Every structure is written in structure tokens, then in C-alpha cells.
């Protein structure tokens, strides 16, 4: 090998090593931030959601068995929902807003203890357990749930200011048709599926669906009614779930709570 080629090879090796060092450094910082996050059992800044938002309807999926795991989830002792006081106050404004339009909020989940997240992680690592695959992830191999970030070791829900919800139509006495179920693992759950969530324009673009699933203009519009109401009152959405919203100015951005879900008695 001549000197020119040898020099180029050495330079390429050094560049590769440099990229690896930077990547490892960045990843290490992310891991450090997660490790340094505080875990708390303090319930003092939380409220029972129905005390703050009495018009809300509760359907706490993780207290029952109709969820992607198929069993009651650790930490859910009662079929109720908890939120930080400030998040609950903002959600009350959303409730009043949509009630004027003929709807009520229907809550699937809110505060989620770390022990529940740990339950999800154990379940996801148990690849043969696919009891609820048909209902929640028929288009996915369970082995990709970590890789595709459907399951995390930490959840924003555990910080106490995130809520999963839909709209209930008081005239029809049914949930609004959102074109897909809560906790569906797939691009069909994305707010931008078949439309632009910023402009609320339906486009019909279902190219992200691996099997050609789609939603109708009405189903997309229903998702936007919920989304726009939540954004008007200080919440932000999640790019992968139409039902998931977090208070922008959440009071505990670095704290993950672990007390169980049950009525707060004060």
C-alpha cells in the first residue's frame, strides 16, 4: 500500500473513532439525565381528576384488562385518575370549552406511577406474550416495541401532567369516532395521519400505514376538535399519539412519581 492510500486509511479510521466518541458521549449524557431524575412518592401537589373536572368520564384502561398487556397494570389500585393541580386546572378549562360544543372529556389515563412503566417494560421484554396483539399491534412484531419507541423505561405520564383522552358526544351518547383505538401501536395513531394537524386539513395521505389503513375526513376532523381544544389551553401533543397531551409548563419536568393510583383523601 503506498503512503497516500495509507494516509487516507488512517484519516478515515480517526474520523470514525471521533464520530463514535461523540455519539457515545451524547448517549451517555442522555442516560445520565435519566439516571439523575428524581423519583418521588409525594402526592401533595396532585388531585383526583374528577374533583377538579367533575364533567369528565373515567375509563381507566390500565385498571382493567382491556389494554395492550391484557392484565391490570401494577400501581393501579382504583379506577380513577390523578393529575398535578395545575394540569387539572388547565384540563378543567378544556372540559368547559368542549362541553359548550356538546362533548365531554373521556379519560383513559393520566398520572402513571413508575411501577406501571416498569410493568410495561417487563411485558415488552417477554416476546412470547402476545395476548392482545390482535387488538393493539396486529401490524407489528412485538420485538420492535423498544426499537420503535412504543415502550420506554420512563414515561412523561409519571411526571403527573400528561393525560390520555378522547371526546364523548353527549347527543349520541357515544365516543367520537377517531378512526382508531387508544393505544393502537402504529402510524395510524399519529396526529398527522391522513392530514395536517397544524392546519387541520384532511389530505387522505395514508402512505405511512404499512397495510394501507386509512381514516375518513370526519374521523380526522374529530381528532382535530380534541387537539385544538387541548392546545388552546396550554397542552402540547405527541407526534405519535392523537390522544396524548402534556401541559407545556408542567411543574415537575425532572421528577418521576411512584405512588399508586387511588383516590386522594385530603
Protein backbone atom coordinates (compact mmCIF):
# COMPACT_ATOMS: atom_id res chain seq x y z
CA UNK A 1 0.00 0.00 0.00
CA UNK A 2 1.50 3.41 -0.97
CA UNK A 3 1.87 6.26 1.51
CA UNK A 4 -1.02 8.23 0.05
CA UNK A 5 -3.51 5.40 0.46
CA UNK A 6 -2.15 4.59 3.92
CA UNK A 7 -2.61 8.21 4.98
CA UNK A 8 -6.19 8.24 3.71
CA UNK A 9 -6.95 5.00 5.56
CA UNK A 10 -5.53 6.36 8.83
CA UNK A 11 -7.55 9.56 8.45
CA UNK A 12 -10.72 7.56 7.83
CA UNK A 13 -10.10 5.42 10.92
CA UNK A 14 -9.51 8.50 13.08
CA UNK A 15 -12.69 10.14 11.76
CA UNK A 16 -14.72 7.01 12.54
CA UNK A 17 -13.32 6.87 16.07
CA UNK A 18 -14.16 10.53 16.57
CA UNK A 19 -17.76 10.01 15.49
CA UNK A 20 -18.10 7.06 17.84
CA UNK A 21 -16.70 9.04 20.75
CA UNK A 22 -19.11 11.93 20.14
CA UNK A 23 -22.07 9.56 19.77
CA UNK A 24 -21.23 7.69 22.95
CA UNK A 25 -20.78 10.99 24.76
CA UNK A 26 -24.19 12.28 23.70
CA UNK A 27 -25.88 8.99 24.57
CA UNK A 28 -24.10 8.94 27.91
CA UNK A 29 -25.45 12.40 28.72
CA UNK A 30 -28.98 11.22 27.93
CA UNK A 31 -28.54 8.20 30.19
CA UNK A 32 -27.11 10.39 32.94
CA UNK A 33 -30.07 12.76 32.79
CA UNK A 34 -32.46 9.81 33.13
CA UNK A 35 -30.45 8.32 35.98
CA UNK A 36 -30.33 11.68 37.78
CA UNK A 37 -34.11 12.21 37.52
CA UNK A 38 -35.75 12.32 40.91
CA UNK A 39 -38.21 9.60 41.90
CA UNK A 40 -40.80 10.76 44.42
CA UNK A 41 -43.70 9.40 46.47
CA UNK A 42 -45.02 12.90 47.30
CA UNK A 43 -48.71 13.22 46.43
CA UNK A 44 -49.20 16.70 47.91
CA UNK A 45 -49.37 18.56 44.58
CA UNK A 46 -51.81 16.10 42.97
CA UNK A 47 -55.60 16.00 42.85
CA UNK A 48 -58.18 13.39 41.95
CA UNK A 49 -59.18 14.39 38.44
CA UNK A 50 -62.93 14.09 38.97
CA UNK A 51 -62.70 16.57 41.87
CA UNK A 52 -61.16 19.16 39.54
CA UNK A 53 -63.04 18.19 36.35
CA UNK A 54 -66.40 16.76 37.50
CA UNK A 55 -67.78 16.55 33.95
CA UNK A 56 -65.06 14.13 32.83
CA UNK A 57 -65.89 10.47 32.22
CA UNK A 58 -63.45 7.86 33.51
CA UNK A 59 -62.46 4.73 31.58
CA UNK A 60 -59.15 3.84 33.18
CA UNK A 61 -57.84 1.16 30.85
CA UNK A 62 -54.88 0.09 32.98
CA UNK A 63 -57.12 -0.72 35.95
CA UNK A 64 -58.87 -3.35 33.83
CA UNK A 65 -57.71 -5.93 31.31
CA UNK A 66 -58.67 -4.25 28.02
CA UNK A 67 -55.23 -2.80 27.32
CA UNK A 68 -52.22 -3.87 25.26
CA UNK A 69 -50.87 -6.04 28.11
CA UNK A 70 -54.17 -7.78 28.86
CA UNK A 71 -53.94 -7.60 32.67
CA UNK A 72 -54.37 -4.95 35.36
CA UNK A 73 -51.21 -2.87 35.47
CA UNK A 74 -49.07 -2.54 38.60
CA UNK A 75 -49.86 0.57 40.63
CA UNK A 76 -53.49 0.99 39.54
CA UNK A 77 -55.37 0.31 42.77
CA UNK A 78 -58.60 2.11 41.86
CA UNK A 79 -60.33 3.10 38.58
CA UNK A 80 -59.57 6.78 38.99
CA UNK A 81 -57.23 9.37 37.51
CA UNK A 82 -54.81 11.78 39.15
CA UNK A 83 -53.07 14.90 37.83
CA UNK A 84 -50.99 17.73 39.22
CA UNK A 85 -53.15 20.64 40.38
CA UNK A 86 -52.00 22.96 37.61
CA UNK A 87 -52.60 20.38 34.87
CA UNK A 88 -56.04 19.59 36.29
CA UNK A 89 -56.94 23.29 36.32
CA UNK A 90 -55.99 23.58 32.65
CA UNK A 91 -57.94 20.43 31.82
CA UNK A 92 -61.00 21.95 33.52
CA UNK A 93 -60.79 24.82 31.02
CA UNK A 94 -60.65 22.29 28.18
CA UNK A 95 -63.67 20.49 29.62
CA UNK A 96 -65.69 23.70 29.77
CA UNK A 97 -64.64 24.51 26.22
CA UNK A 98 -65.71 21.20 24.67
CA UNK A 99 -68.84 20.96 26.81
CA UNK A 100 -70.10 24.11 25.08
CA UNK A 101 -69.70 22.18 21.81
CA UNK A 102 -71.74 19.23 23.10
CA UNK A 103 -68.90 16.98 24.23
CA UNK A 104 -67.35 15.67 27.41
CA UNK A 105 -63.81 14.52 28.04
CA UNK A 106 -63.31 10.80 28.45
CA UNK A 107 -60.13 9.89 30.32
CA UNK A 108 -58.15 6.73 29.61
CA UNK A 109 -55.08 7.52 31.70
CA UNK A 110 -53.39 10.44 33.46
CA UNK A 111 -50.68 10.17 36.11
CA UNK A 112 -48.93 6.81 35.71
CA UNK A 113 -46.65 5.54 38.50
CA UNK A 114 -43.14 4.39 37.64
CA UNK A 115 -44.06 0.89 38.81
CA UNK A 116 -46.62 0.74 35.99
CA UNK A 117 -43.98 1.77 33.45
CA UNK A 118 -41.72 -0.95 34.83
CA UNK A 119 -44.59 -3.41 34.26
CA UNK A 120 -44.78 -2.33 30.60
CA UNK A 121 -41.03 -2.82 30.21
CA UNK A 122 -41.15 -6.35 31.66
CA UNK A 123 -44.08 -7.20 29.39
CA UNK A 124 -42.34 -5.86 26.28
CA UNK A 125 -39.25 -7.94 27.05
CA UNK A 126 -41.40 -11.07 27.26
CA UNK A 127 -41.69 -11.56 23.49
CA UNK A 128 -43.94 -14.68 23.53
CA UNK A 129 -46.69 -12.82 25.45
CA UNK A 130 -48.86 -11.53 22.59
CA UNK A 131 -52.28 -11.95 24.19
CA UNK A 132 -53.59 -8.58 22.95
CA UNK A 133 -51.68 -8.31 19.68
CA UNK A 134 -54.83 -8.63 17.55
CA UNK A 135 -56.39 -5.61 19.24
CA UNK A 136 -53.48 -3.20 19.64
CA UNK A 137 -50.50 -4.08 17.44
CA UNK A 138 -51.52 -6.54 14.68
CA UNK A 139 -49.14 -4.98 12.15
CA UNK A 140 -46.05 -5.12 14.38
CA UNK A 141 -43.72 -7.82 15.60
CA UNK A 142 -43.53 -7.38 19.37
CA UNK A 143 -39.74 -7.48 19.25
CA UNK A 144 -39.64 -3.95 17.74
CA UNK A 145 -41.56 -2.17 20.52
CA UNK A 146 -38.41 -0.83 22.19
CA UNK A 147 -36.65 -0.09 18.92
CA UNK A 148 -39.61 1.83 17.52
CA UNK A 149 -40.13 3.62 20.86
CA UNK A 150 -43.59 2.36 21.72
CA UNK A 151 -42.25 1.33 25.14
CA UNK A 152 -39.85 3.43 27.22
CA UNK A 153 -38.16 2.90 30.57
CA UNK A 154 -39.51 6.32 31.61
CA UNK A 155 -42.82 7.97 30.76
CA UNK A 156 -43.93 11.59 30.83
CA UNK A 157 -47.11 10.33 32.47
CA UNK A 158 -45.08 9.65 35.63
CA UNK A 159 -44.33 13.38 35.94
CA UNK A 160 -48.04 13.92 36.60
CA UNK A 161 -49.10 16.43 33.94
CA UNK A 162 -49.89 14.18 30.98
CA UNK A 163 -53.30 12.81 30.08
CA UNK A 164 -54.65 10.32 27.52
CA UNK A 165 -58.21 11.10 26.49
CA UNK A 166 -60.90 11.31 23.84
CA UNK A 167 -64.24 13.07 23.35
CA UNK A 168 -67.68 11.78 24.27
CA UNK A 169 -70.64 13.06 22.24
CA UNK A 170 -73.47 13.91 24.63
CA UNK A 171 -76.08 13.80 21.85
CA UNK A 172 -75.26 10.32 20.55
CA UNK A 173 -74.05 9.12 23.98
CA UNK A 174 -71.01 7.58 22.30
CA UNK A 175 -67.35 8.37 21.91
CA UNK A 176 -66.49 10.45 18.88
CA UNK A 177 -65.16 8.21 16.11
CA UNK A 178 -61.42 8.88 15.97
CA UNK A 179 -60.70 6.20 13.40
CA UNK A 180 -58.64 4.08 15.78
CA UNK A 181 -58.50 2.86 19.34
CA UNK A 182 -56.49 4.30 22.23
CA UNK A 183 -53.05 2.66 22.49
CA UNK A 184 -53.00 1.43 18.89
CA UNK A 185 -49.32 0.86 18.06
CA UNK A 186 -48.85 2.16 14.54
CA UNK A 187 -48.60 5.25 12.33
CA UNK A 188 -52.39 5.31 12.07
CA UNK A 189 -52.35 6.85 15.58
CA UNK A 190 -50.17 9.79 14.54
CA UNK A 191 -51.91 13.19 14.55
CA UNK A 192 -50.62 13.83 11.02
CA UNK A 193 -52.03 10.57 9.64
CA UNK A 194 -54.18 11.48 6.62
CA UNK A 195 -53.92 15.19 7.37
CA UNK A 196 -52.04 18.24 8.57
CA UNK A 197 -52.55 18.79 12.32
CA UNK A 198 -51.28 22.38 12.11
CA UNK A 199 -53.87 23.49 9.58
CA UNK A 200 -56.44 20.79 10.46
CA UNK A 201 -56.64 20.00 6.75
CA UNK A 202 -57.54 16.46 5.70
CA UNK A 203 -55.23 15.20 2.94
CA UNK A 204 -56.07 11.50 2.81
CA UNK A 205 -52.37 10.63 2.78
CA UNK A 206 -52.24 7.17 4.34
CA UNK A 207 -48.81 6.26 2.95
CA UNK A 208 -47.40 5.70 6.46
CA UNK A 209 -49.72 2.76 7.08
CA UNK A 210 -47.85 -0.50 6.42
CA UNK A 211 -51.03 -2.25 5.30
CA UNK A 212 -52.94 0.60 3.66
CA UNK A 213 -55.24 1.51 6.54
CA UNK A 214 -56.92 4.91 6.40
CA UNK A 215 -59.29 7.25 8.23
CA UNK A 216 -62.15 9.36 6.91
CA UNK A 217 -62.35 13.17 6.79
CA UNK A 218 -64.84 13.06 9.68
CA UNK A 219 -62.53 10.91 11.82
CA UNK A 220 -59.63 13.28 11.17
CA UNK A 221 -61.85 16.27 11.98
CA UNK A 222 -62.83 14.66 15.29
CA UNK A 223 -59.17 14.22 16.20
CA UNK A 224 -58.61 17.90 15.44
CA UNK A 225 -61.51 19.03 17.64
CA UNK A 226 -59.80 17.36 20.59
CA UNK A 227 -56.32 18.53 19.61
CA UNK A 228 -57.25 22.15 19.08
CA UNK A 229 -59.13 22.33 22.39
CA UNK A 230 -56.13 20.91 24.27
CA UNK A 231 -53.66 23.24 22.55
CA UNK A 232 -55.84 26.28 23.29
CA UNK A 233 -55.47 25.64 27.00
CA UNK A 234 -51.75 25.11 27.36
CA UNK A 235 -51.20 21.48 26.42
CA UNK A 236 -48.90 20.11 23.74
CA UNK A 237 -49.47 16.98 21.70
CA UNK A 238 -47.30 13.99 20.91
CA UNK A 239 -46.34 13.25 17.32
CA UNK A 240 -47.15 9.54 17.64
CA UNK A 241 -50.47 9.54 19.56
CA UNK A 242 -53.59 11.62 18.84
CA UNK A 243 -54.89 11.03 22.39
CA UNK A 244 -51.76 12.08 24.37
CA UNK A 245 -51.22 15.61 25.73
CA UNK A 246 -48.81 17.15 28.24
CA UNK A 247 -49.06 20.52 29.96
CA UNK A 248 -46.41 22.74 28.34
CA UNK A 249 -45.41 24.32 31.65
CA UNK A 250 -45.52 21.11 33.67
CA UNK A 251 -44.48 21.72 37.29
CA UNK A 252 -42.26 18.63 37.67
CA UNK A 253 -40.29 18.24 34.41
CA UNK A 254 -37.50 16.25 36.10
CA UNK A 255 -39.44 14.27 38.70
CA UNK A 256 -40.95 10.82 38.19
CA UNK A 257 -43.53 9.83 40.81
CA UNK A 258 -44.25 6.31 42.01
CA UNK A 259 -47.21 6.43 44.42
CA UNK A 260 -50.16 4.22 43.37
CA UNK A 261 -53.26 5.44 41.53
CA UNK A 262 -56.11 5.73 44.02
CA UNK A 263 -58.44 8.43 45.34
CA UNK A 264 -56.56 11.21 47.10
CA UNK A 265 -58.05 11.88 50.52
CA UNK A 266 -57.20 15.32 51.93
